[in-house]
C-alpha atoms as a PDB file:
ATOM      1  CA  MET A   1      -2.403  -1.100 -12.720  1.00  0.00           C
ATOM      2  CA  PHE A   2       0.627  -3.055 -11.685  1.00  0.00           C
ATOM      3  CA  ASN A   3       4.314  -2.328 -11.404  1.00  0.00           C
ATOM      4  CA  PRO A   4       5.834  -4.073 -14.442  1.00  0.00           C
ATOM      5  CA  ASP A   5       8.513  -5.809 -12.363  1.00  0.00           C
ATOM      6  CA  PHE A   6       5.945  -7.096  -9.862  1.00  0.00           C
ATOM      7  CA  LEU A   7       3.757  -8.255 -12.736  1.00  0.00           C
ATOM      8  CA  ARG A   8       6.622 -10.151 -14.344  1.00  0.00           C
ATOM      9  CA  ARG A   9       7.707 -11.803 -11.082  1.00  0.00           C
ATOM     10  CA  ASN A  10       4.225 -12.553  -9.676  1.00  0.00           C
ATOM     11  CA  PRO A  11       1.761 -13.413 -12.442  1.00  0.00           C
ATOM     12  CA  GLN A  12      -0.105 -15.886 -10.205  1.00  0.00           C
ATOM     13  CA  ALA A  13      -0.622 -13.232  -7.520  1.00  0.00           C
ATOM     14  CA  VAL A  14      -1.815 -10.749 -10.138  1.00  0.00           C
ATOM     15  CA  GLN A  15      -4.262 -13.312 -11.543  1.00  0.00           C
ATOM     16  CA  ALA A  16      -5.582 -14.092  -8.037  1.00  0.00           C
ATOM     17  CA  PHE A  17      -6.061 -10.367  -7.386  1.00  0.00           C
ATOM     18  CA  VAL A  18      -7.922  -9.824 -10.675  1.00  0.00           C
ATOM     19  CA  ASN A  19     -10.095 -12.884  -9.983  1.00  0.00           C
ATOM     20  CA  ALA A  20     -11.046 -11.447  -6.575  1.00  0.00           C
ATOM     21  CA  LEU A  21     -11.573  -7.973  -8.023  1.00  0.00           C
ATOM     22  CA  MET A  22     -13.939  -9.358 -10.649  1.00  0.00           C
ATOM     23  CA  ALA A  23     -15.869 -11.386  -8.052  1.00  0.00           C
ATOM     24  CA  GLY A  24     -16.268  -8.324  -5.827  1.00  0.00           C
ATOM     25  CA  ASN A  25     -17.223  -6.159  -8.775  1.00  0.00           C
ATOM     26  CA  ARG A  26     -19.915  -8.633  -9.768  1.00  0.00           C
ATOM     27  CA  ASP A  27     -21.203  -8.770  -6.180  1.00  0.00           C
ATOM     28  CA  LEU A  28     -21.704  -4.985  -6.316  1.00  0.00           C
ATOM     29  CA  ALA A  29     -23.157  -4.836  -9.836  1.00  0.00           C
ATOM     30  CA  GLY A  30     -26.723  -3.670 -10.314  1.00  0.00           C
ATOM     31  CA  ASP A  31     -28.857  -4.053  -7.202  1.00  0.00           C
ATOM     32  CA  GLY A  32     -26.044  -5.855  -5.386  1.00  0.00           C
ATOM     33  CA  TYR A  33     -24.485  -2.557  -4.345  1.00  0.00           C
ATOM     34  CA  GLY A  34     -27.478  -1.644  -2.212  1.00  0.00           C
ATOM     35  CA  LYS A  35     -27.696  -4.949  -0.358  1.00  0.00           C
ATOM     36  CA  PRO A  36     -27.327  -4.365   3.386  1.00  0.00           C
ATOM     37  CA  GLU A  37     -24.509  -6.894   3.720  1.00  0.00           C
ATOM     38  CA  ASN A  38     -22.508  -5.173   0.966  1.00  0.00           C
ATOM     39  CA  LEU A  39     -23.141  -1.703   2.380  1.00  0.00           C
ATOM     40  CA  ALA A  40     -21.954  -2.949   5.776  1.00  0.00           C
ATOM     41  CA  ILE A  41     -18.683  -4.168   4.257  1.00  0.00           C
ATOM     42  CA  LEU A  42     -18.188  -0.892   2.381  1.00  0.00           C
ATOM     43  CA  SER A  43     -19.017   1.131   5.493  1.00  0.00           C
ATOM     44  CA  ALA A  44     -16.517  -0.802   7.604  1.00  0.00           C
ATOM     45  CA  ALA A  45     -13.798  -0.373   4.974  1.00  0.00           C
ATOM     46  CA  THR A  46     -14.390   3.322   4.275  1.00  0.00           C
ATOM     47  CA  LYS A  47     -15.820   4.613   7.581  1.00  0.00           C
ATOM     48  CA  LEU A  48     -18.681   6.117   5.553  1.00  0.00           C
ATOM     49  CA  GLU A  49     -22.390   5.556   6.115  1.00  0.00           C
ATOM     50  CA  GLY A  50     -25.781   6.068   4.500  1.00  0.00           C
ATOM     51  CA  ALA A  51     -26.009   8.627   1.734  1.00  0.00           C
ATOM     52  CA  ALA A  52     -22.235   9.006   1.588  1.00  0.00           C
ATOM     53  CA  LEU A  53     -22.089   5.419   0.328  1.00  0.00           C
ATOM     54  CA  THR A  54     -25.089   5.458  -1.972  1.00  0.00           C
ATOM     55  CA  ARG A  55     -25.158   8.974  -3.436  1.00  0.00           C
ATOM     56  CA  ASP A  56     -22.309   8.691  -5.945  1.00  0.00           C
ATOM     57  CA  ARG A  57     -21.313   5.400  -7.457  1.00  0.00           C
ATOM     58  CA  TYR A  58     -18.667   4.598  -9.986  1.00  0.00           C
ATOM     59  CA  TYR A  59     -19.600   2.199 -12.731  1.00  0.00           C
ATOM     60  CA  PHE A  60     -17.312  -0.694 -13.508  1.00  0.00           C
ATOM     61  CA  ASP A  61     -18.160  -3.188 -16.182  1.00  0.00           C
ATOM     62  CA  PRO A  62     -19.081  -6.505 -14.452  1.00  0.00           C
ATOM     63  CA  ASN A  63     -16.541  -8.258 -16.670  1.00  0.00           C
ATOM     64  CA  LEU A  64     -13.889  -5.598 -16.014  1.00  0.00           C
ATOM     65  CA  ASP A  65     -13.802  -4.846 -19.719  1.00  0.00           C
ATOM     66  CA  PRO A  66     -11.143  -2.142 -20.057  1.00  0.00           C
ATOM     67  CA  THR A  67     -12.491  -1.084 -23.442  1.00  0.00           C
ATOM     68  CA  VAL A  68     -15.413   0.693 -21.756  1.00  0.00           C
ATOM     69  CA  VAL A  69     -12.939   3.096 -20.117  1.00  0.00           C
ATOM     70  CA  ASP A  70     -12.111   6.159 -22.185  1.00  0.00           C
ATOM     71  CA  LEU A  71      -8.436   6.478 -21.250  1.00  0.00           C
ATOM     72  CA  ASP A  72      -7.830   9.166 -23.845  1.00  0.00           C
ATOM     73  CA  GLY A  73     -10.774  11.209 -22.550  1.00  0.00           C
ATOM     74  CA  ILE A  74      -9.598  10.839 -18.955  1.00  0.00           C
ATOM     75  CA  GLN A  75      -6.103  11.910 -19.931  1.00  0.00           C
ATOM     76  CA  ARG A  76      -7.458  14.919 -21.881  1.00  0.00           C
ATOM     77  CA  ALA A  77      -9.393  16.015 -18.780  1.00  0.00           C
ATOM     78  CA  PHE A  78      -6.230  15.866 -16.658  1.00  0.00           C
ATOM     79  CA  VAL A  79      -4.340  17.851 -19.301  1.00  0.00           C
ATOM     80  CA  GLU A  80      -7.087  20.480 -19.340  1.00  0.00           C
ATOM     81  CA  MET A  81      -6.927  20.707 -15.521  1.00  0.00           C
ATOM     82  CA  GLY A  82      -3.154  21.142 -15.700  1.00  0.00           C
ATOM     83  CA  ALA A  83      -2.493  17.968 -13.719  1.00  0.00           C
ATOM     84  CA  VAL A  84      -0.742  16.356 -16.700  1.00  0.00           C
ATOM     85  CA  ARG A  85       1.679  18.340 -18.819  1.00  0.00           C
ATOM     86  CA  SER A  86       2.855  15.698 -21.237  1.00  0.00           C
ATOM     87  CA  PRO A  87       0.208  13.175 -22.344  1.00  0.00           C
ATOM     88  CA  ALA A  88       1.306   9.549 -22.447  1.00  0.00           C
ATOM     89  CA  LYS A  89       1.072   7.374 -25.527  1.00  0.00           C
ATOM     90  CA  LEU A  90      -1.809   5.015 -24.815  1.00  0.00           C
ATOM     91  CA  ASP A  91      -1.261   2.431 -27.558  1.00  0.00           C
ATOM     92  CA  GLY A  92      -0.738  -0.965 -25.973  1.00  0.00           C
ATOM     93  CA  VAL A  93      -1.222   0.333 -22.433  1.00  0.00           C
ATOM     94  CA  VAL A  94      -3.989  -2.156 -21.566  1.00  0.00           C
ATOM     95  CA  ASP A  95      -3.031  -5.803 -20.977  1.00  0.00           C
ATOM     96  CA  THR A  96      -6.231  -7.862 -20.963  1.00  0.00           C
ATOM     97  CA  ARG A  97      -4.770 -11.325 -20.289  1.00  0.00           C
ATOM     98  CA  PHE A  98      -5.563 -11.302 -16.551  1.00  0.00           C
ATOM     99  CA  VAL A  99      -9.148 -10.137 -17.105  1.00  0.00           C
ATOM    100  CA  LYS A 100      -9.544 -12.863 -19.717  1.00  0.00           C
ATOM    101  CA  GLY A 101      -8.118 -15.351 -17.229  1.00  0.00           C
ATOM    102  CA  ALA A 102     -10.598 -14.260 -14.556  1.00  0.00           C
ATOM    103  CA  ARG A 103     -13.444 -14.725 -17.019  1.00  0.00           C
ATOM    104  CA  GLY A 104     -12.150 -18.137 -17.975  1.00  0.00           C
ATOM    105  CA  SER A 105     -11.691 -17.089 -21.584  1.00  0.00           C
END
């Protein structure tokens, strides 16, 4: 997620960030997450160790495909919890051009 003004003024920075995010995501995909060198980086960044790092993992598509994320379902859960009172319209909310650029497509 990017501030629209920042996105408009800094598309090269946004593309560089998405490229790095995809590279890191791919490094952690599958068995990569459990590699000692990756766990060391995560531990240094989060100040967590051992089971705290490996017990619960979020899944991100290696290609950062936003279509695998159920935005409507996430929003419904926040509405049900009372954290969101007025659901947002989600049509057109995902801009895939930077992910496509990171993939080279």
